[in-house]
N, C-alpha and C. Protein backbone atom coordinates (compact mmCIF):
# COMPACT_ATOMS: atom_id res chain seq x y z
N UNK A 1 97.02 171.83 -99.60
CA UNK A 1 96.64 170.27 -98.37
C UNK A 1 97.13 171.09 -96.61
N UNK A 2 96.82 169.84 -95.87
CA UNK A 2 96.79 169.98 -94.33
C UNK A 2 98.00 169.17 -94.10
N UNK A 3 98.51 170.07 -92.87
CA UNK A 3 99.68 170.55 -92.56
C UNK A 3 99.30 168.31 -90.71
N UNK A 4 100.27 168.11 -91.57
CA UNK A 4 99.31 166.60 -90.23
C UNK A 4 99.71 166.87 -89.51
N UNK A 5 100.79 167.91 -88.50
CA UNK A 5 101.34 168.85 -87.75
C UNK A 5 99.74 169.01 -86.59
N UNK A 6 99.55 169.81 -87.03
CA UNK A 6 98.67 170.23 -87.20
C UNK A 6 97.90 169.20 -87.09
N UNK A 7 97.63 169.13 -87.62
CA UNK A 7 95.81 167.54 -87.93
C UNK A 7 96.16 167.28 -86.60
N UNK A 8 97.24 166.20 -85.91
CA UNK A 8 98.06 165.53 -84.93
C UNK A 8 97.83 166.71 -83.17
N UNK A 9 98.59 167.73 -83.37
CA UNK A 9 97.78 168.38 -82.39
C UNK A 9 95.98 169.10 -82.07
N UNK A 10 95.34 169.47 -83.65
CA UNK A 10 94.36 169.34 -82.94
C UNK A 10 93.99 168.10 -82.21
N UNK A 11 94.27 167.48 -82.46
CA UNK A 11 93.93 165.76 -82.14
C UNK A 11 94.23 164.72 -80.76
N UNK A 12 95.03 165.40 -80.06
CA UNK A 12 95.68 165.83 -79.71
C UNK A 12 94.69 166.22 -78.76
N UNK A 13 94.27 167.76 -78.46
CA UNK A 13 93.96 168.91 -78.25
C UNK A 13 91.67 168.28 -77.55
N UNK A 14 91.45 167.41 -78.73
CA UNK A 14 89.79 166.86 -78.72
C UNK A 14 90.41 166.23 -77.45
N UNK A 15 91.18 165.33 -77.13
CA UNK A 15 91.54 164.32 -77.47
C UNK A 15 91.46 163.95 -75.37
N UNK A 16 92.39 165.23 -74.70
CA UNK A 16 92.74 165.23 -74.08
C UNK A 16 90.65 166.73 -72.79
N UNK A 17 90.00 167.28 -74.36
CA UNK A 17 88.88 167.67 -73.47
C UNK A 17 88.50 166.69 -73.59
N UNK A 18 87.84 165.65 -74.35
CA UNK A 18 87.35 164.16 -73.92
C UNK A 18 87.23 164.42 -72.92
N UNK A 19 88.74 163.64 -72.11
CA UNK A 19 88.41 163.43 -70.74
C UNK A 19 87.83 163.95 -69.67
């Protein structure tokens, strides 16, 4: 199972880099 925390962090990083 993947950790939801990690997924959230990765999502935040991706969104931040998208800007």
